[in-house]
Amino acid sequence: MAIMLKYRAPTGETRPWTLREILQGKPIDRPTHPMLVHFPIAFYIGALGLDVLSRIGRYPAASLAATWLILGSFAGFAGAALTGLAERATMRHDSRIRTRATRHMLLQYAAVGIFVADFAIRWSHRHDLHASFLWIALDLIGVLVMTVASDIGGQMVFKIGYRGLGGD
């Protein structure tokens, strides 16, 4: 995987990459959105698992670790959202794929909103030995919403055949 430092057109013209092209992964000839989505997904599920472990076992740091995983998921979400928005911007406005991408995006924003609320509620109690049932409920709802949204993203790739890098 070589990094192309400048865009070279078939006509021989060269120019710097635009920010959108960099976010889409064109300099590395790979879509970047699929590379980044795994982090918030794994961190959301990990936070749920750690919160449940803090309730059923003797894991005194589990709920604190879950809180930090949620914070980490926000960084992962930021990267995934930026690259996803750059990809969505290249889709035709009236296309079926853009409609699905919009649905996928809005559900992912809803999931992160649930985790922001979860994080805000838990922050002042993050050192508690056991996760509250409210934290676990919010984790579970957020994971379920994220799962539905991720399925829509998967359908875009595997059922419709959208492969990214700025094409419709």
N, C-alpha and C. Protein backbone atom coordinates (compact mmCIF):
# COMPACT_ATOMS: atom_id res chain seq x y z
N MET A 1 0.85 -1.17 0.00
CA MET A 1 0.00 0.00 0.00
C MET A 1 0.90 1.23 0.00
N ALA A 2 1.14 1.77 -1.17
CA ALA A 2 1.96 2.97 -1.30
C ALA A 2 1.08 4.21 -1.13
N ILE A 3 1.62 5.22 -0.52
CA ILE A 3 0.91 6.48 -0.36
C ILE A 3 1.28 7.37 -1.53
N MET A 4 0.27 7.77 -2.29
CA MET A 4 0.50 8.66 -3.42
C MET A 4 0.50 10.09 -2.87
N LEU A 5 1.61 10.79 -3.02
CA LEU A 5 1.74 12.10 -2.41
C LEU A 5 0.92 13.17 -3.13
N LYS A 6 0.70 12.99 -4.42
CA LYS A 6 -0.11 13.95 -5.19
C LYS A 6 -1.00 13.18 -6.14
N TYR A 7 -2.11 13.82 -6.48
CA TYR A 7 -3.02 13.24 -7.47
C TYR A 7 -2.42 13.45 -8.86
N ARG A 8 -2.39 12.38 -9.63
CA ARG A 8 -1.91 12.48 -11.00
C ARG A 8 -3.05 12.07 -11.92
N ALA A 9 -3.53 13.03 -12.70
CA ALA A 9 -4.62 12.79 -13.64
C ALA A 9 -4.11 12.02 -14.85
N PRO A 10 -5.01 11.33 -15.57
CA PRO A 10 -4.59 10.62 -16.79
C PRO A 10 -3.93 11.54 -17.81
N THR A 11 -4.22 12.84 -17.74
CA THR A 11 -3.61 13.81 -18.67
C THR A 11 -2.19 14.17 -18.28
N GLY A 12 -1.73 13.72 -17.10
CA GLY A 12 -0.38 14.03 -16.64
C GLY A 12 -0.34 15.16 -15.63
N GLU A 13 -1.45 15.86 -15.48
CA GLU A 13 -1.53 16.96 -14.52
C GLU A 13 -1.37 16.41 -13.09
N THR A 14 -0.66 17.11 -12.24
CA THR A 14 -0.55 16.74 -10.83
C THR A 14 -1.04 17.90 -9.98
N ARG A 15 -1.62 17.56 -8.84
CA ARG A 15 -2.12 18.57 -7.90
C ARG A 15 -2.16 17.94 -6.52
N PRO A 16 -2.18 18.76 -5.47
CA PRO A 16 -2.31 18.20 -4.12
C PRO A 16 -3.69 17.57 -3.94
N TRP A 17 -3.77 16.61 -3.05
CA TRP A 17 -5.06 16.01 -2.71
C TRP A 17 -5.91 17.01 -1.95
N THR A 18 -7.22 16.97 -2.17
CA THR A 18 -8.13 17.81 -1.38
C THR A 18 -8.37 17.11 -0.04
N LEU A 19 -8.87 17.86 0.93
CA LEU A 19 -9.17 17.28 2.24
C LEU A 19 -10.18 16.15 2.10
N ARG A 20 -11.20 16.35 1.28
CA ARG A 20 -12.20 15.30 1.10
C ARG A 20 -11.58 14.04 0.52
N GLU A 21 -10.69 14.18 -0.44
CA GLU A 21 -10.03 13.01 -1.03
C GLU A 21 -9.16 12.30 0.00
N ILE A 22 -8.50 13.06 0.85
CA ILE A 22 -7.68 12.44 1.91
C ILE A 22 -8.58 11.68 2.87
N LEU A 23 -9.70 12.29 3.28
CA LEU A 23 -10.64 11.61 4.19
C LEU A 23 -11.22 10.35 3.56
N GLN A 24 -11.41 10.37 2.26
CA GLN A 24 -11.95 9.20 1.57
C GLN A 24 -10.91 8.10 1.40
N GLY A 25 -9.63 8.42 1.56
CA GLY A 25 -8.58 7.43 1.44
C GLY A 25 -7.98 7.32 0.05
N LYS A 26 -8.23 8.27 -0.79
CA LYS A 26 -7.70 8.18 -2.16
C LYS A 26 -6.18 8.13 -2.22
N PRO A 27 -5.44 8.84 -1.37
CA PRO A 27 -3.97 8.74 -1.44
C PRO A 27 -3.44 7.33 -1.14
N ILE A 28 -4.20 6.53 -0.42
CA ILE A 28 -3.76 5.16 -0.13
C ILE A 28 -4.55 4.14 -0.94
N ASP A 29 -5.45 4.62 -1.80
CA ASP A 29 -6.26 3.77 -2.67
C ASP A 29 -7.10 2.76 -1.88
N ARG A 30 -7.59 3.18 -0.72
CA ARG A 30 -8.45 2.35 0.13
C ARG A 30 -9.48 3.26 0.79
N PRO A 31 -10.73 2.85 0.88
CA PRO A 31 -11.70 3.66 1.62
C PRO A 31 -11.35 3.64 3.12
N THR A 32 -11.36 4.79 3.75
CA THR A 32 -10.95 4.88 5.15
C THR A 32 -12.10 4.65 6.13
N HIS A 33 -13.31 4.92 5.72
CA HIS A 33 -14.44 4.74 6.64
C HIS A 33 -14.51 3.32 7.21
N PRO A 34 -14.42 2.28 6.38
CA PRO A 34 -14.47 0.93 6.95
C PRO A 34 -13.32 0.61 7.90
N MET A 35 -12.20 1.32 7.77
CA MET A 35 -11.07 1.08 8.67
C MET A 35 -11.33 1.62 10.07
N LEU A 36 -12.16 2.64 10.16
CA LEU A 36 -12.35 3.33 11.43
C LEU A 36 -13.60 2.93 12.20
N VAL A 37 -14.57 2.33 11.54
CA VAL A 37 -15.84 2.04 12.21
C VAL A 37 -15.71 0.98 13.30
N HIS A 38 -14.68 0.16 13.23
CA HIS A 38 -14.53 -0.92 14.20
C HIS A 38 -14.25 -0.42 15.61
N PHE A 39 -13.63 0.74 15.73
CA PHE A 39 -13.27 1.24 17.06
C PHE A 39 -14.49 1.60 17.90
N PRO A 40 -15.39 2.46 17.42
CA PRO A 40 -16.56 2.73 18.28
C PRO A 40 -17.42 1.49 18.49
N ILE A 41 -17.54 0.64 17.49
CA ILE A 41 -18.34 -0.57 17.65
C ILE A 41 -17.76 -1.43 18.77
N ALA A 42 -16.47 -1.70 18.71
CA ALA A 42 -15.83 -2.54 19.73
C ALA A 42 -15.88 -1.89 21.10
N PHE A 43 -15.68 -0.59 21.16
CA PHE A 43 -15.67 0.10 22.45
C PHE A 43 -17.06 0.13 23.08
N TYR A 44 -18.11 0.33 22.28
CA TYR A 44 -19.48 0.30 22.81
C TYR A 44 -19.79 -1.07 23.41
N ILE A 45 -19.48 -2.11 22.64
CA ILE A 45 -19.76 -3.48 23.11
C ILE A 45 -18.89 -3.81 24.33
N GLY A 46 -17.64 -3.38 24.30
CA GLY A 46 -16.75 -3.61 25.44
C GLY A 46 -17.24 -2.91 26.70
N ALA A 47 -17.75 -1.70 26.56
CA ALA A 47 -18.28 -0.97 27.72
C ALA A 47 -19.47 -1.72 28.31
N LEU A 48 -20.36 -2.20 27.46
CA LEU A 48 -21.50 -2.99 27.94
C LEU A 48 -21.01 -4.22 28.68
N GLY A 49 -20.07 -4.94 28.10
CA GLY A 49 -19.54 -6.15 28.73
C GLY A 49 -18.88 -5.86 30.08
N LEU A 50 -18.11 -4.80 30.16
CA LEU A 50 -17.45 -4.44 31.41
C LEU A 50 -18.46 -4.02 32.48
N ASP A 51 -19.48 -3.28 32.06
CA ASP A 51 -20.51 -2.89 33.04
C ASP A 51 -21.24 -4.11 33.58
N VAL A 52 -21.55 -5.05 32.72
CA VAL A 52 -22.21 -6.28 33.18
C VAL A 52 -21.27 -7.06 34.10
N LEU A 53 -19.99 -7.16 33.74
CA LEU A 53 -19.01 -7.85 34.58
C LEU A 53 -18.91 -7.20 35.97
N SER A 54 -19.01 -5.88 36.02
CA SER A 54 -18.90 -5.21 37.31
C SER A 54 -20.07 -5.56 38.22
N ARG A 55 -21.18 -5.96 37.64
CA ARG A 55 -22.36 -6.34 38.43
C ARG A 55 -22.32 -7.80 38.86
N ILE A 56 -21.76 -8.67 38.02
CA ILE A 56 -21.85 -10.10 38.32
C ILE A 56 -20.57 -10.69 38.92
N GLY A 57 -19.49 -9.93 38.95
CA GLY A 57 -18.24 -10.47 39.46
C GLY A 57 -17.51 -9.47 40.33
N ARG A 58 -16.33 -9.86 40.72
CA ARG A 58 -15.49 -8.99 41.55
C ARG A 58 -14.42 -8.36 40.66
N TYR A 59 -14.83 -7.40 39.90
CA TYR A 59 -13.93 -6.67 39.01
C TYR A 59 -14.04 -5.19 39.36
N PRO A 60 -13.29 -4.73 40.36
CA PRO A 60 -13.48 -3.38 40.87
C PRO A 60 -13.19 -2.26 39.87
N ALA A 61 -12.41 -2.53 38.85
CA ALA A 61 -12.09 -1.49 37.88
C ALA A 61 -12.94 -1.57 36.61
N ALA A 62 -13.84 -2.52 36.53
CA ALA A 62 -14.59 -2.74 35.29
C ALA A 62 -15.45 -1.54 34.91
N SER A 63 -16.17 -0.97 35.86
CA SER A 63 -17.04 0.16 35.49
C SER A 63 -16.21 1.39 35.12
N LEU A 64 -15.07 1.58 35.76
CA LEU A 64 -14.18 2.69 35.37
C LEU A 64 -13.62 2.45 33.97
N ALA A 65 -13.21 1.24 33.70
CA ALA A 65 -12.70 0.91 32.36
C ALA A 65 -13.79 1.12 31.30
N ALA A 66 -15.03 0.77 31.63
CA ALA A 66 -16.13 0.99 30.69
C ALA A 66 -16.32 2.47 30.40
N THR A 67 -16.17 3.29 31.42
CA THR A 67 -16.29 4.74 31.22
C THR A 67 -15.22 5.24 30.27
N TRP A 68 -14.00 4.76 30.43
CA TRP A 68 -12.92 5.18 29.54
C TRP A 68 -13.10 4.62 28.13
N LEU A 69 -13.68 3.44 28.02
CA LEU A 69 -13.97 2.90 26.68
C LEU A 69 -15.00 3.79 25.96
N ILE A 70 -15.99 4.24 26.71
CA ILE A 70 -16.99 5.13 26.09
C ILE A 70 -16.32 6.42 25.62
N LEU A 71 -15.44 6.97 26.43
CA LEU A 71 -14.72 8.17 26.02
C LEU A 71 -13.90 7.89 24.76
N GLY A 72 -13.23 6.75 24.71
CA GLY A 72 -12.46 6.37 23.53
C GLY A 72 -13.35 6.18 22.31
N SER A 73 -14.57 5.70 22.53
CA SER A 73 -15.48 5.49 21.40
C SER A 73 -15.82 6.82 20.72
N PHE A 74 -15.82 7.91 21.49
CA PHE A 74 -16.11 9.21 20.90
C PHE A 74 -15.03 9.62 19.89
N ALA A 75 -13.78 9.32 20.21
CA ALA A 75 -12.69 9.61 19.27
C ALA A 75 -12.84 8.74 18.02
N GLY A 76 -13.15 7.46 18.22
CA GLY A 76 -13.37 6.58 17.08
C GLY A 76 -14.55 7.02 16.24
N PHE A 77 -15.61 7.45 16.91
CA PHE A 77 -16.79 7.94 16.20
C PHE A 77 -16.46 9.17 15.38
N ALA A 78 -15.66 10.08 15.94
CA ALA A 78 -15.30 11.30 15.21
C ALA A 78 -14.60 10.95 13.90
N GLY A 79 -13.66 10.03 13.95
CA GLY A 79 -12.97 9.62 12.73
C GLY A 79 -13.89 8.93 11.74
N ALA A 80 -14.72 8.03 12.24
CA ALA A 80 -15.66 7.33 11.36
C ALA A 80 -16.68 8.29 10.76
N ALA A 81 -17.15 9.23 11.56
CA ALA A 81 -18.15 10.18 11.07
C ALA A 81 -17.55 11.10 10.00
N LEU A 82 -16.35 11.60 10.23
CA LEU A 82 -15.72 12.48 9.24
C LEU A 82 -15.50 11.77 7.91
N THR A 83 -14.99 10.56 7.97
CA THR A 83 -14.75 9.82 6.72
C THR A 83 -16.06 9.40 6.06
N GLY A 84 -17.06 9.07 6.87
CA GLY A 84 -18.37 8.73 6.31
C GLY A 84 -19.04 9.92 5.65
N LEU A 85 -18.93 11.09 6.26
CA LEU A 85 -19.50 12.30 5.66
C LEU A 85 -18.80 12.65 4.35
N ALA A 86 -17.49 12.47 4.31
CA ALA A 86 -16.76 12.73 3.06
C ALA A 86 -17.22 11.78 1.96
N GLU A 87 -17.47 10.54 2.32
CA GLU A 87 -17.94 9.56 1.34
C GLU A 87 -19.37 9.89 0.89
N ARG A 88 -20.22 10.22 1.85
CA ARG A 88 -21.63 10.53 1.54
C ARG A 88 -21.73 11.75 0.63
N ALA A 89 -20.81 12.69 0.79
CA ALA A 89 -20.85 13.92 -0.01
C ALA A 89 -20.69 13.65 -1.50
N THR A 90 -20.13 12.51 -1.87
CA THR A 90 -19.93 12.20 -3.29
C THR A 90 -21.10 11.45 -3.90
N MET A 91 -22.07 11.07 -3.08
CA MET A 91 -23.22 10.30 -3.58
C MET A 91 -24.25 11.23 -4.23
N ARG A 92 -24.87 10.75 -5.30
CA ARG A 92 -25.93 11.52 -5.95
C ARG A 92 -27.06 11.79 -4.96
N HIS A 93 -27.58 13.00 -4.96
CA HIS A 93 -28.59 13.42 -3.99
C HIS A 93 -29.87 12.60 -4.05
N ASP A 94 -30.25 12.14 -5.20
CA ASP A 94 -31.52 11.41 -5.34
C ASP A 94 -31.33 9.90 -5.44
N SER A 95 -30.17 9.41 -5.03
CA SER A 95 -29.88 7.99 -5.20
C SER A 95 -30.35 7.17 -3.99
N ARG A 96 -30.59 5.90 -4.24
CA ARG A 96 -30.97 4.96 -3.20
C ARG A 96 -29.85 4.77 -2.18
N ILE A 97 -28.62 4.77 -2.65
CA ILE A 97 -27.49 4.57 -1.75
C ILE A 97 -27.35 5.75 -0.79
N ARG A 98 -27.61 6.95 -1.26
CA ARG A 98 -27.52 8.13 -0.37
C ARG A 98 -28.63 8.10 0.68
N THR A 99 -29.80 7.63 0.29
CA THR A 99 -30.89 7.50 1.26
C THR A 99 -30.50 6.52 2.36
N ARG A 100 -29.92 5.40 1.97
CA ARG A 100 -29.45 4.42 2.97
C ARG A 100 -28.32 5.00 3.81
N ALA A 101 -27.41 5.70 3.17
CA ALA A 101 -26.28 6.29 3.90
C ALA A 101 -26.79 7.30 4.92
N THR A 102 -27.81 8.05 4.56
CA THR A 102 -28.40 9.03 5.50
C THR A 102 -29.04 8.32 6.68
N ARG A 103 -29.76 7.25 6.41
CA ARG A 103 -30.38 6.47 7.49
C ARG A 103 -29.31 5.88 8.41
N HIS A 104 -28.28 5.32 7.81
CA HIS A 104 -27.14 4.77 8.55
C HIS A 104 -26.52 5.85 9.45
N MET A 105 -26.29 7.02 8.87
CA MET A 105 -25.66 8.12 9.59
C MET A 105 -26.53 8.59 10.76
N LEU A 106 -27.80 8.79 10.52
CA LEU A 106 -28.68 9.29 11.59
C LEU A 106 -28.80 8.30 12.75
N LEU A 107 -28.86 7.03 12.43
CA LEU A 107 -28.90 6.03 13.50
C LEU A 107 -27.59 5.98 14.27
N GLN A 108 -26.47 6.13 13.58
CA GLN A 108 -25.18 6.16 14.29
C GLN A 108 -25.10 7.39 15.18
N TYR A 109 -25.61 8.53 14.71
CA TYR A 109 -25.65 9.73 15.56
C TYR A 109 -26.55 9.50 16.77
N ALA A 110 -27.65 8.79 16.58
CA ALA A 110 -28.52 8.48 17.72
C ALA A 110 -27.79 7.60 18.74
N ALA A 111 -27.04 6.63 18.25
CA ALA A 111 -26.28 5.75 19.15
C ALA A 111 -25.26 6.54 19.94
N VAL A 112 -24.53 7.41 19.27
CA VAL A 112 -23.52 8.19 20.00
C VAL A 112 -24.21 9.15 20.96
N GLY A 113 -25.38 9.64 20.61
CA GLY A 113 -26.13 10.50 21.54
C GLY A 113 -26.50 9.75 22.81
N ILE A 114 -26.89 8.50 22.66
CA ILE A 114 -27.21 7.67 23.83
C ILE A 114 -25.96 7.48 24.69
N PHE A 115 -24.82 7.24 24.06
CA PHE A 115 -23.59 7.05 24.83
C PHE A 115 -23.08 8.36 25.44
N VAL A 116 -23.36 9.49 24.81
CA VAL A 116 -23.01 10.78 25.43
C VAL A 116 -23.82 10.96 26.71
N ALA A 117 -25.11 10.64 26.64
CA ALA A 117 -25.95 10.72 27.84
C ALA A 117 -25.45 9.75 28.91
N ASP A 118 -25.12 8.54 28.50
CA ASP A 118 -24.58 7.53 29.42
C ASP A 118 -23.31 8.06 30.09
N PHE A 119 -22.41 8.62 29.28
CA PHE A 119 -21.14 9.14 29.80
C PHE A 119 -21.39 10.28 30.79
N ALA A 120 -22.29 11.19 30.45
CA ALA A 120 -22.59 12.32 31.34
C ALA A 120 -23.16 11.85 32.67
N ILE A 121 -24.01 10.84 32.63
CA ILE A 121 -24.63 10.32 33.86
C ILE A 121 -23.60 9.60 34.72
N ARG A 122 -22.73 8.86 34.11
CA ARG A 122 -21.80 8.02 34.86
C ARG A 122 -20.54 8.75 35.32
N TRP A 123 -20.17 9.85 34.69
CA TRP A 123 -18.87 10.46 34.93
C TRP A 123 -18.60 10.73 36.41
N SER A 124 -19.53 11.33 37.12
CA SER A 124 -19.27 11.67 38.53
C SER A 124 -19.25 10.43 39.43
N HIS A 125 -19.71 9.30 38.95
CA HIS A 125 -19.72 8.05 39.72
C HIS A 125 -18.82 6.99 39.08
N ARG A 126 -17.91 7.40 38.24
CA ARG A 126 -17.11 6.45 37.46
C ARG A 126 -16.26 5.51 38.31
N HIS A 127 -15.99 5.88 39.57
CA HIS A 127 -15.17 5.03 40.44
C HIS A 127 -16.01 4.06 41.27
N ASP A 128 -17.32 4.06 41.07
CA ASP A 128 -18.17 3.10 41.78
C ASP A 128 -17.75 1.67 41.42
N LEU A 129 -17.87 0.78 42.37
CA LEU A 129 -17.46 -0.61 42.13
C LEU A 129 -18.38 -1.33 41.15
N HIS A 130 -19.65 -0.95 41.16
CA HIS A 130 -20.63 -1.62 40.30
C HIS A 130 -21.31 -0.59 39.40
N ALA A 131 -21.47 -0.97 38.15
CA ALA A 131 -22.21 -0.12 37.22
C ALA A 131 -23.67 -0.07 37.65
N SER A 132 -24.27 1.09 37.48
CA SER A 132 -25.70 1.18 37.81
C SER A 132 -26.51 0.50 36.71
N PHE A 133 -27.72 0.11 37.05
CA PHE A 133 -28.57 -0.53 36.05
C PHE A 133 -28.93 0.45 34.94
N LEU A 134 -28.98 1.75 35.26
CA LEU A 134 -29.24 2.75 34.23
C LEU A 134 -28.10 2.77 33.21
N TRP A 135 -26.85 2.68 33.68
CA TRP A 135 -25.71 2.65 32.75
C TRP A 135 -25.82 1.45 31.83
N ILE A 136 -26.15 0.30 32.42
CA ILE A 136 -26.24 -0.92 31.62
C ILE A 136 -27.38 -0.81 30.61
N ALA A 137 -28.51 -0.24 31.04
CA ALA A 137 -29.64 -0.07 30.13
C ALA A 137 -29.26 0.85 28.97
N LEU A 138 -28.60 1.96 29.27
CA LEU A 138 -28.18 2.88 28.21
C LEU A 138 -27.15 2.22 27.29
N ASP A 139 -26.21 1.47 27.88
CA ASP A 139 -25.25 0.72 27.06
C ASP A 139 -25.97 -0.21 26.10
N LEU A 140 -26.93 -0.95 26.63
CA LEU A 140 -27.65 -1.93 25.81
C LEU A 140 -28.44 -1.26 24.70
N ILE A 141 -29.14 -0.19 25.02
CA ILE A 141 -29.92 0.53 24.00
C ILE A 141 -28.98 1.09 22.94
N GLY A 142 -27.87 1.69 23.38
CA GLY A 142 -26.89 2.24 22.43
C GLY A 142 -26.30 1.18 21.52
N VAL A 143 -25.98 0.02 22.10
CA VAL A 143 -25.42 -1.07 21.30
C VAL A 143 -26.46 -1.58 20.30
N LEU A 144 -27.71 -1.69 20.70
CA LEU A 144 -28.75 -2.15 19.78
C LEU A 144 -28.96 -1.17 18.63
N VAL A 145 -29.00 0.13 18.93
CA VAL A 145 -29.16 1.13 17.86
C VAL A 145 -27.95 1.10 16.93
N MET A 146 -26.75 1.01 17.52
CA MET A 146 -25.53 0.93 16.71
C MET A 146 -25.53 -0.31 15.83
N THR A 147 -26.03 -1.42 16.34
CA THR A 147 -26.07 -2.66 15.57
C THR A 147 -26.99 -2.52 14.35
N VAL A 148 -28.14 -1.92 14.54
CA VAL A 148 -29.07 -1.70 13.42
C VAL A 148 -28.41 -0.79 12.39
N ALA A 149 -27.79 0.29 12.87
CA ALA A 149 -27.13 1.23 11.96
C ALA A 149 -25.97 0.56 11.22
N SER A 150 -25.21 -0.25 11.91
CA SER A 150 -24.09 -0.96 11.28
C SER A 150 -24.58 -1.95 10.24
N ASP A 151 -25.72 -2.58 10.51
CA ASP A 151 -26.30 -3.50 9.54
C ASP A 151 -26.66 -2.75 8.25
N ILE A 152 -27.19 -1.57 8.39
CA ILE A 152 -27.51 -0.77 7.20
C ILE A 152 -26.24 -0.46 6.42
N GLY A 153 -25.17 -0.12 7.12
CA GLY A 153 -23.89 0.11 6.45
C GLY A 153 -23.40 -1.14 5.75
N GLY A 154 -23.55 -2.28 6.40
CA GLY A 154 -23.16 -3.55 5.77
C GLY A 154 -24.00 -3.86 4.55
N GLN A 155 -25.28 -3.55 4.60
CA GLN A 155 -26.15 -3.76 3.43
C GLN A 155 -25.71 -2.90 2.26
N MET A 156 -25.26 -1.69 2.55
CA MET A 156 -24.79 -0.81 1.48
C MET A 156 -23.63 -1.45 0.72
N VAL A 157 -22.78 -2.14 1.44
CA VAL A 157 -21.61 -2.77 0.82
C VAL A 157 -21.97 -4.12 0.20
N PHE A 158 -22.62 -4.98 0.97
CA PHE A 158 -22.78 -6.37 0.54
C PHE A 158 -24.04 -6.64 -0.28
N LYS A 159 -25.09 -5.84 -0.11
CA LYS A 159 -26.30 -6.05 -0.92
C LYS A 159 -26.35 -5.12 -2.11
N ILE A 160 -26.00 -3.86 -1.90
CA ILE A 160 -26.09 -2.88 -2.98
C ILE A 160 -24.78 -2.82 -3.77
N GLY A 161 -23.67 -3.12 -3.12
CA GLY A 161 -22.39 -3.15 -3.81
C GLY A 161 -21.61 -1.85 -3.78
N TYR A 162 -21.97 -0.94 -2.89
CA TYR A 162 -21.23 0.33 -2.79
C TYR A 162 -19.86 0.04 -2.19
N ARG A 163 -18.82 0.49 -2.84
CA ARG A 163 -17.46 0.20 -2.39
C ARG A 163 -16.65 1.40 -1.97
N GLY A 164 -17.22 2.59 -2.03
CA GLY A 164 -16.51 3.76 -1.53
C GLY A 164 -15.54 4.36 -2.52
N LEU A 165 -14.65 5.17 -1.98
CA LEU A 165 -13.67 5.96 -2.75
C LEU A 165 -14.33 6.94 -3.70
N GLY A 166 -15.46 7.48 -3.25
CA GLY A 166 -16.05 8.60 -3.97
C GLY A 166 -16.84 8.25 -5.21
N GLY A 167 -17.33 7.06 -5.31
CA GLY A 167 -18.16 6.72 -6.46
C GLY A 167 -19.55 6.32 -6.03
N ASP A 168 -20.50 6.43 -6.93
CA ASP A 168 -21.90 6.09 -6.60
C ASP A 168 -22.27 4.76 -7.22
